[in-house]
Amino acid sequence: MPTNSSFKRAACVLAALCSFAAQAQMTPIGLWHSIDDATKAPKGEIRISDVGGGVLNGKVERSLLKDSKVGDKCDQCTDDRKDQSKIGMEIIRGAKQTEGKTVWEGGTIVDPDNGKVYKLKMTPIEDGKKLEVRGFIGFALLGRTQVWVRVP
């Protein structure tokens, strides 16, 4: 029969594992539904990955819009993404975690619909189930925030 100390040890291990799992989700890494500002419906799936050294990039995996076409390109992009297919396009580049915080910034995000590139700030919220994605020019106060939803 297990002893009282065995139960305590098992409870501590279980609590540590649960804490680690919750903390592991407090990161932008993973698959996200971007949300359309006007309709509030999922617009696309974005995969955010660590490309090395804690640097995060994100690519469009697929569009969820009914009127999107496989060959849709970013014809208004002005950098190396010009005329790239929107599907597979790297829209997030170079985000790094701010030391001691659950905030990733210092990178950029491009809007593939208009080609504009913005500075980026990403903050996991609601235990990592959602992600605040803020694009801005100049100061973080001058910009737009979307809330993306983690794909289970």
N, C-alpha and C. Protein backbone atom coordinates (compact mmCIF):
# COMPACT_ATOMS: atom_id res chain seq x y z
N MET A 1 0.85 -1.18 0.00
CA MET A 1 0.00 0.00 0.00
C MET A 1 0.90 1.25 0.00
N PRO A 2 0.59 2.25 -0.86
CA PRO A 2 1.42 3.45 -0.92
C PRO A 2 1.37 4.24 0.38
N THR A 3 2.49 4.84 0.70
CA THR A 3 2.56 5.65 1.92
C THR A 3 2.11 7.07 1.62
N ASN A 4 1.89 7.81 2.69
CA ASN A 4 1.47 9.20 2.58
C ASN A 4 2.53 10.02 1.84
N SER A 5 3.81 9.72 2.09
CA SER A 5 4.89 10.46 1.42
C SER A 5 4.91 10.15 -0.08
N SER A 6 4.51 8.94 -0.47
CA SER A 6 4.44 8.59 -1.90
C SER A 6 3.38 9.44 -2.59
N PHE A 7 2.25 9.61 -1.93
CA PHE A 7 1.18 10.46 -2.49
C PHE A 7 1.65 11.90 -2.63
N LYS A 8 2.37 12.39 -1.61
CA LYS A 8 2.86 13.77 -1.66
C LYS A 8 3.85 13.96 -2.81
N ARG A 9 4.76 12.99 -2.98
CA ARG A 9 5.72 13.07 -4.08
C ARG A 9 5.01 13.03 -5.43
N ALA A 10 4.05 12.15 -5.58
CA ALA A 10 3.30 12.04 -6.84
C ALA A 10 2.53 13.33 -7.11
N ALA A 11 1.95 13.91 -6.08
CA ALA A 11 1.21 15.18 -6.24
C ALA A 11 2.15 16.30 -6.66
N CYS A 12 3.34 16.35 -6.08
CA CYS A 12 4.32 17.38 -6.45
C CYS A 12 4.76 17.23 -7.90
N VAL A 13 5.02 15.99 -8.32
CA VAL A 13 5.43 15.74 -9.70
C VAL A 13 4.31 16.13 -10.66
N LEU A 14 3.08 15.75 -10.34
CA LEU A 14 1.93 16.09 -11.18
C LEU A 14 1.74 17.60 -11.26
N ALA A 15 1.88 18.29 -10.14
CA ALA A 15 1.74 19.76 -10.13
C ALA A 15 2.83 20.40 -10.98
N ALA A 16 4.04 19.89 -10.89
CA ALA A 16 5.15 20.44 -11.68
C ALA A 16 4.91 20.22 -13.17
N LEU A 17 4.43 19.04 -13.53
CA LEU A 17 4.15 18.76 -14.94
C LEU A 17 3.03 19.65 -15.47
N CYS A 18 1.99 19.83 -14.69
CA CYS A 18 0.88 20.70 -15.11
C CYS A 18 1.36 22.14 -15.27
N SER A 19 2.19 22.59 -14.34
CA SER A 19 2.73 23.94 -14.41
C SER A 19 3.60 24.10 -15.65
N PHE A 20 4.43 23.09 -15.95
CA PHE A 20 5.29 23.14 -17.12
C PHE A 20 4.45 23.17 -18.40
N ALA A 21 3.40 22.36 -18.46
CA ALA A 21 2.54 22.33 -19.65
C ALA A 21 1.86 23.67 -19.86
N ALA A 22 1.38 24.29 -18.79
CA ALA A 22 0.74 25.60 -18.91
C ALA A 22 1.75 26.65 -19.35
N GLN A 23 2.95 26.60 -18.79
CA GLN A 23 3.99 27.57 -19.14
C GLN A 23 4.43 27.37 -20.59
N ALA A 24 4.46 26.12 -21.06
CA ALA A 24 4.89 25.84 -22.42
C ALA A 24 3.94 26.45 -23.43
N GLN A 25 2.68 26.64 -23.08
CA GLN A 25 1.70 27.23 -23.98
C GLN A 25 1.75 28.75 -23.98
N MET A 26 2.48 29.35 -23.05
CA MET A 26 2.59 30.82 -22.99
C MET A 26 3.67 31.29 -23.94
N THR A 27 3.59 30.82 -25.17
CA THR A 27 4.53 31.17 -26.21
C THR A 27 3.75 31.31 -27.52
N PRO A 28 4.23 32.13 -28.43
CA PRO A 28 3.56 32.23 -29.73
C PRO A 28 3.81 31.02 -30.63
N ILE A 29 4.76 30.16 -30.27
CA ILE A 29 5.07 29.01 -31.12
C ILE A 29 3.85 28.11 -31.24
N GLY A 30 3.48 27.79 -32.48
CA GLY A 30 2.35 26.91 -32.74
C GLY A 30 1.54 27.38 -33.92
N LEU A 31 0.36 26.81 -34.07
CA LEU A 31 -0.54 27.11 -35.18
C LEU A 31 -1.68 27.99 -34.68
N TRP A 32 -1.95 29.06 -35.42
CA TRP A 32 -2.93 30.07 -35.01
C TRP A 32 -3.92 30.37 -36.12
N HIS A 33 -5.15 30.67 -35.74
CA HIS A 33 -6.14 31.24 -36.65
C HIS A 33 -6.03 32.76 -36.55
N SER A 34 -5.69 33.40 -37.65
CA SER A 34 -5.78 34.86 -37.68
C SER A 34 -7.26 35.18 -37.88
N ILE A 35 -7.68 36.31 -37.34
CA ILE A 35 -9.10 36.65 -37.33
C ILE A 35 -9.33 37.90 -38.18
N ASP A 36 -10.33 37.84 -39.06
CA ASP A 36 -10.68 38.98 -39.91
C ASP A 36 -11.24 40.10 -39.05
N ASP A 37 -10.71 41.32 -39.24
CA ASP A 37 -11.16 42.46 -38.44
C ASP A 37 -12.64 42.76 -38.63
N ALA A 38 -13.14 42.65 -39.85
CA ALA A 38 -14.52 43.03 -40.15
C ALA A 38 -15.52 41.95 -39.73
N THR A 39 -15.26 40.69 -40.12
CA THR A 39 -16.25 39.62 -39.90
C THR A 39 -16.04 38.88 -38.58
N LYS A 40 -14.85 39.01 -38.00
CA LYS A 40 -14.46 38.30 -36.77
C LYS A 40 -14.38 36.79 -36.98
N ALA A 41 -14.37 36.35 -38.22
CA ALA A 41 -14.25 34.93 -38.56
C ALA A 41 -12.78 34.59 -38.80
N PRO A 42 -12.40 33.31 -38.61
CA PRO A 42 -11.03 32.92 -38.93
C PRO A 42 -10.71 33.20 -40.40
N LYS A 43 -9.54 33.79 -40.61
CA LYS A 43 -9.14 34.23 -41.95
C LYS A 43 -8.07 33.31 -42.54
N GLY A 44 -7.16 32.83 -41.70
CA GLY A 44 -6.09 31.98 -42.18
C GLY A 44 -5.43 31.25 -41.03
N GLU A 45 -4.56 30.32 -41.38
CA GLU A 45 -3.78 29.60 -40.39
C GLU A 45 -2.32 30.01 -40.53
N ILE A 46 -1.74 30.45 -39.42
CA ILE A 46 -0.37 30.94 -39.37
C ILE A 46 0.42 30.02 -38.45
N ARG A 47 1.53 29.48 -38.95
CA ARG A 47 2.41 28.64 -38.14
C ARG A 47 3.60 29.48 -37.69
N ILE A 48 3.74 29.65 -36.37
CA ILE A 48 4.87 30.39 -35.81
C ILE A 48 5.87 29.38 -35.27
N SER A 49 7.13 29.53 -35.69
CA SER A 49 8.19 28.58 -35.33
C SER A 49 9.43 29.31 -34.84
N ASP A 50 10.20 28.60 -34.01
CA ASP A 50 11.51 29.10 -33.59
C ASP A 50 12.49 28.69 -34.68
N VAL A 51 13.13 29.67 -35.31
CA VAL A 51 14.07 29.38 -36.39
C VAL A 51 15.51 29.32 -35.89
N GLY A 52 15.69 29.39 -34.58
CA GLY A 52 17.02 29.29 -33.97
C GLY A 52 17.33 30.49 -33.11
N GLY A 53 17.93 30.23 -31.98
CA GLY A 53 18.35 31.29 -31.08
C GLY A 53 17.20 32.06 -30.47
N GLY A 54 16.02 31.43 -30.40
CA GLY A 54 14.86 32.10 -29.82
C GLY A 54 14.18 33.09 -30.76
N VAL A 55 14.58 33.10 -32.03
CA VAL A 55 13.97 34.00 -33.02
C VAL A 55 12.77 33.30 -33.63
N LEU A 56 11.63 34.01 -33.65
CA LEU A 56 10.39 33.44 -34.19
C LEU A 56 10.03 34.04 -35.54
N ASN A 57 9.63 33.18 -36.44
CA ASN A 57 9.08 33.57 -37.74
C ASN A 57 7.74 32.87 -37.90
N GLY A 58 6.89 33.42 -38.77
CA GLY A 58 5.58 32.83 -38.98
C GLY A 58 5.21 32.81 -40.44
N LYS A 59 4.63 31.68 -40.89
CA LYS A 59 4.22 31.51 -42.28
C LYS A 59 2.73 31.22 -42.37
N VAL A 60 2.13 31.67 -43.47
CA VAL A 60 0.74 31.35 -43.76
C VAL A 60 0.70 29.91 -44.24
N GLU A 61 -0.03 29.06 -43.51
CA GLU A 61 -0.16 27.66 -43.94
C GLU A 61 -1.32 27.47 -44.89
N ARG A 62 -2.43 28.18 -44.61
CA ARG A 62 -3.57 28.09 -45.52
C ARG A 62 -4.53 29.22 -45.27
N SER A 63 -5.30 29.51 -46.30
CA SER A 63 -6.35 30.52 -46.19
C SER A 63 -7.64 29.84 -45.81
N LEU A 64 -8.45 30.51 -45.01
CA LEU A 64 -9.76 29.99 -44.63
C LEU A 64 -10.87 30.82 -45.28
N LEU A 65 -10.49 31.71 -46.18
CA LEU A 65 -11.48 32.56 -46.86
C LEU A 65 -12.07 31.81 -48.05
N LYS A 66 -13.38 31.94 -48.22
CA LYS A 66 -14.07 31.24 -49.31
C LYS A 66 -13.63 31.73 -50.68
N ASP A 67 -13.30 33.01 -50.79
CA ASP A 67 -12.97 33.58 -52.09
C ASP A 67 -11.47 33.57 -52.40
N SER A 68 -10.65 32.92 -51.56
CA SER A 68 -9.20 32.90 -51.84
C SER A 68 -8.91 31.86 -52.93
N LYS A 69 -7.83 32.14 -53.66
CA LYS A 69 -7.41 31.24 -54.73
C LYS A 69 -6.00 30.77 -54.41
N VAL A 70 -5.68 29.58 -54.86
CA VAL A 70 -4.36 28.99 -54.60
C VAL A 70 -3.25 29.90 -55.11
N GLY A 71 -3.44 30.56 -56.22
CA GLY A 71 -2.39 31.38 -56.81
C GLY A 71 -2.35 32.82 -56.34
N ASP A 72 -3.15 33.19 -55.32
CA ASP A 72 -3.13 34.57 -54.84
C ASP A 72 -1.72 34.97 -54.42
N LYS A 73 -1.26 36.11 -54.92
CA LYS A 73 0.10 36.58 -54.66
C LYS A 73 0.08 37.92 -53.95
N CYS A 74 1.18 38.23 -53.32
CA CYS A 74 1.34 39.53 -52.66
C CYS A 74 1.91 40.50 -53.69
N ASP A 75 1.04 40.99 -54.57
CA ASP A 75 1.50 41.88 -55.64
C ASP A 75 1.82 43.28 -55.13
N GLN A 76 1.37 43.63 -53.93
CA GLN A 76 1.67 44.94 -53.38
C GLN A 76 2.86 44.95 -52.43
N CYS A 77 3.44 43.77 -52.16
CA CYS A 77 4.65 43.71 -51.34
C CYS A 77 5.78 44.42 -52.07
N THR A 78 6.65 45.06 -51.31
CA THR A 78 7.75 45.81 -51.93
C THR A 78 9.12 45.21 -51.60
N ASP A 79 9.17 44.16 -50.81
CA ASP A 79 10.45 43.53 -50.47
C ASP A 79 10.59 42.20 -51.20
N ASP A 80 11.36 41.28 -50.65
CA ASP A 80 11.59 39.98 -51.30
C ASP A 80 10.32 39.13 -51.41
N ARG A 81 9.24 39.54 -50.76
CA ARG A 81 7.98 38.80 -50.84
C ARG A 81 7.12 39.21 -52.03
N LYS A 82 7.56 40.22 -52.79
CA LYS A 82 6.80 40.70 -53.95
C LYS A 82 6.49 39.53 -54.88
N ASP A 83 5.21 39.42 -55.24
CA ASP A 83 4.70 38.39 -56.15
C ASP A 83 4.84 36.97 -55.63
N GLN A 84 5.12 36.81 -54.34
CA GLN A 84 5.11 35.48 -53.72
C GLN A 84 3.68 35.06 -53.47
N SER A 85 3.44 33.77 -53.50
CA SER A 85 2.14 33.24 -53.12
C SER A 85 1.88 33.58 -51.66
N LYS A 86 0.65 33.98 -51.35
CA LYS A 86 0.32 34.28 -49.95
C LYS A 86 0.39 33.02 -49.10
N ILE A 87 0.01 31.87 -49.69
CA ILE A 87 0.12 30.60 -48.97
C ILE A 87 1.60 30.22 -48.96
N GLY A 88 2.16 30.01 -47.79
CA GLY A 88 3.57 29.70 -47.65
C GLY A 88 4.43 30.92 -47.39
N MET A 89 3.82 32.11 -47.48
CA MET A 89 4.57 33.35 -47.27
C MET A 89 4.93 33.52 -45.80
N GLU A 90 6.17 33.96 -45.58
CA GLU A 90 6.63 34.28 -44.24
C GLU A 90 6.16 35.70 -43.93
N ILE A 91 5.16 35.81 -43.05
CA ILE A 91 4.61 37.13 -42.74
C ILE A 91 5.19 37.71 -41.45
N ILE A 92 5.73 36.84 -40.59
CA ILE A 92 6.35 37.29 -39.33
C ILE A 92 7.83 36.96 -39.41
N ARG A 93 8.66 37.95 -39.09
CA ARG A 93 10.11 37.75 -39.11
C ARG A 93 10.78 38.38 -37.90
N GLY A 94 11.70 37.63 -37.29
CA GLY A 94 12.63 38.19 -36.34
C GLY A 94 12.13 38.58 -34.96
N ALA A 95 11.02 38.00 -34.50
CA ALA A 95 10.53 38.34 -33.16
C ALA A 95 11.34 37.60 -32.09
N LYS A 96 11.69 38.32 -31.02
CA LYS A 96 12.41 37.73 -29.90
C LYS A 96 11.69 38.05 -28.60
N GLN A 97 11.83 37.14 -27.65
CA GLN A 97 11.20 37.34 -26.35
C GLN A 97 11.91 38.42 -25.58
N THR A 98 11.12 39.32 -25.00
CA THR A 98 11.65 40.35 -24.12
C THR A 98 12.04 39.67 -22.81
N GLU A 99 13.26 39.91 -22.36
CA GLU A 99 13.78 39.23 -21.18
C GLU A 99 12.85 39.40 -19.98
N GLY A 100 12.51 38.27 -19.38
CA GLY A 100 11.70 38.27 -18.17
C GLY A 100 10.21 38.50 -18.40
N LYS A 101 9.78 38.57 -19.66
CA LYS A 101 8.36 38.81 -19.95
C LYS A 101 7.85 37.80 -20.97
N THR A 102 6.54 37.65 -21.04
CA THR A 102 5.94 36.81 -22.08
C THR A 102 5.48 37.71 -23.23
N VAL A 103 6.44 38.46 -23.77
CA VAL A 103 6.22 39.37 -24.89
C VAL A 103 7.33 39.11 -25.90
N TRP A 104 6.95 39.00 -27.18
CA TRP A 104 7.91 38.84 -28.26
C TRP A 104 7.80 40.06 -29.15
N GLU A 105 8.94 40.70 -29.42
CA GLU A 105 8.93 41.90 -30.25
C GLU A 105 10.27 42.04 -30.96
N GLY A 106 10.46 43.17 -31.62
CA GLY A 106 11.70 43.40 -32.34
C GLY A 106 11.67 42.88 -33.76
N GLY A 107 10.61 42.21 -34.12
CA GLY A 107 10.49 41.69 -35.48
C GLY A 107 9.51 42.52 -36.29
N THR A 108 9.11 41.96 -37.41
CA THR A 108 8.16 42.63 -38.30
C THR A 108 7.05 41.68 -38.71
N ILE A 109 5.94 42.27 -39.17
CA ILE A 109 4.84 41.51 -39.73
C ILE A 109 4.38 42.25 -40.98
N VAL A 110 4.08 41.49 -42.03
CA VAL A 110 3.59 42.09 -43.27
C VAL A 110 2.11 41.73 -43.42
N ASP A 111 1.34 42.67 -43.91
CA ASP A 111 -0.06 42.42 -44.26
C ASP A 111 -0.06 42.01 -45.73
N PRO A 112 -0.29 40.73 -46.03
CA PRO A 112 -0.20 40.28 -47.42
C PRO A 112 -1.29 40.86 -48.33
N ASP A 113 -2.30 41.48 -47.73
CA ASP A 113 -3.36 42.09 -48.54
C ASP A 113 -2.96 43.45 -49.09
N ASN A 114 -2.06 44.16 -48.39
CA ASN A 114 -1.65 45.48 -48.89
C ASN A 114 -0.13 45.66 -48.99
N GLY A 115 0.63 44.66 -48.56
CA GLY A 115 2.08 44.69 -48.69
C GLY A 115 2.81 45.53 -47.65
N LYS A 116 2.09 46.15 -46.72
CA LYS A 116 2.73 47.02 -45.73
C LYS A 116 3.42 46.18 -44.65
N VAL A 117 4.61 46.64 -44.26
CA VAL A 117 5.39 45.97 -43.23
C VAL A 117 5.34 46.82 -41.96
N TYR A 118 5.05 46.16 -40.85
CA TYR A 118 4.91 46.84 -39.56
C TYR A 118 5.86 46.25 -38.55
N LYS A 119 6.25 47.04 -37.54
CA LYS A 119 6.95 46.50 -36.39
C LYS A 119 5.95 45.60 -35.66
N LEU A 120 6.46 44.68 -34.86
CA LEU A 120 5.63 43.63 -34.30
C LEU A 120 5.80 43.48 -32.79
N LYS A 121 4.68 43.20 -32.14
CA LYS A 121 4.69 42.83 -30.73
C LYS A 121 3.65 41.73 -30.56
N MET A 122 4.04 40.60 -29.97
CA MET A 122 3.12 39.48 -29.75
C MET A 122 3.10 39.13 -28.26
N THR A 123 1.90 38.96 -27.73
CA THR A 123 1.73 38.63 -26.32
C THR A 123 0.70 37.52 -26.17
N PRO A 124 1.11 36.34 -25.69
CA PRO A 124 0.12 35.29 -25.40
C PRO A 124 -0.79 35.73 -24.26
N ILE A 125 -2.08 35.46 -24.40
CA ILE A 125 -3.05 35.79 -23.35
C ILE A 125 -3.95 34.58 -23.11
N GLU A 126 -4.73 34.65 -22.06
CA GLU A 126 -5.67 33.58 -21.70
C GLU A 126 -4.97 32.22 -21.67
N ASP A 127 -3.88 32.16 -20.89
CA ASP A 127 -3.09 30.93 -20.71
C ASP A 127 -2.56 30.39 -22.03
N GLY A 128 -2.28 31.28 -22.99
CA GLY A 128 -1.70 30.87 -24.26
C GLY A 128 -2.70 30.39 -25.28
N LYS A 129 -3.99 30.49 -24.97
CA LYS A 129 -5.03 30.08 -25.93
C LYS A 129 -5.24 31.12 -27.02
N LYS A 130 -4.85 32.36 -26.72
CA LYS A 130 -4.97 33.45 -27.68
C LYS A 130 -3.66 34.22 -27.74
N LEU A 131 -3.50 34.97 -28.82
CA LEU A 131 -2.27 35.72 -29.03
C LEU A 131 -2.62 37.12 -29.51
N GLU A 132 -2.21 38.13 -28.74
CA GLU A 132 -2.36 39.51 -29.19
C GLU A 132 -1.22 39.80 -30.14
N VAL A 133 -1.58 40.17 -31.36
CA VAL A 133 -0.60 40.50 -32.39
C VAL A 133 -0.77 41.97 -32.72
N ARG A 134 0.24 42.76 -32.41
CA ARG A 134 0.16 44.19 -32.64
C ARG A 134 1.16 44.60 -33.71
N GLY A 135 0.65 45.21 -34.77
CA GLY A 135 1.49 45.78 -35.81
C GLY A 135 1.45 47.28 -35.69
N PHE A 136 2.63 47.93 -35.81
CA PHE A 136 2.65 49.38 -35.63
C PHE A 136 3.79 50.00 -36.42
N ILE A 137 3.66 51.27 -36.65
CA ILE A 137 4.70 52.06 -37.30
C ILE A 137 5.20 53.05 -36.26
N GLY A 138 6.50 53.08 -36.04
CA GLY A 138 7.06 54.02 -35.06
C GLY A 138 6.86 53.52 -33.64
N PHE A 139 5.83 54.04 -32.96
CA PHE A 139 5.56 53.69 -31.58
C PHE A 139 4.43 52.68 -31.50
N ALA A 140 4.49 51.80 -30.49
CA ALA A 140 3.48 50.76 -30.33
C ALA A 140 2.08 51.35 -30.11
N LEU A 141 2.01 52.62 -29.68
CA LEU A 141 0.70 53.26 -29.48
C LEU A 141 -0.02 53.51 -30.81
N LEU A 142 0.76 53.64 -31.89
CA LEU A 142 0.18 53.93 -33.21
C LEU A 142 0.16 52.66 -34.04
N GLY A 143 -0.93 51.90 -33.92
CA GLY A 143 -1.01 50.66 -34.66
C GLY A 143 -2.34 49.97 -34.48
N ARG A 144 -2.33 48.68 -34.77
CA ARG A 144 -3.55 47.89 -34.73
C ARG A 144 -3.24 46.55 -34.07
N THR A 145 -4.17 46.08 -33.25
CA THR A 145 -4.01 44.81 -32.57
C THR A 145 -5.08 43.84 -33.04
N GLN A 146 -4.65 42.62 -33.35
CA GLN A 146 -5.58 41.52 -33.62
C GLN A 146 -5.37 40.48 -32.53
N VAL A 147 -6.42 39.71 -32.26
CA VAL A 147 -6.29 38.60 -31.32
C VAL A 147 -6.48 37.32 -32.14
N TRP A 148 -5.43 36.53 -32.18
CA TRP A 148 -5.46 35.25 -32.89
C TRP A 148 -5.79 34.14 -31.90
N VAL A 149 -6.33 33.04 -32.41
CA VAL A 149 -6.77 31.93 -31.57
C VAL A 149 -5.93 30.69 -31.90
N ARG A 150 -5.39 30.08 -30.85
CA ARG A 150 -4.56 28.87 -31.05
C ARG A 150 -5.42 27.75 -31.62
N VAL A 151 -4.89 27.05 -32.62
CA VAL A 151 -5.57 25.88 -33.19
C VAL A 151 -5.24 24.69 -32.31
N PRO A 152 -6.28 24.03 -31.78
CA PRO A 152 -6.03 22.91 -30.85
C PRO A 152 -5.35 21.73 -31.55
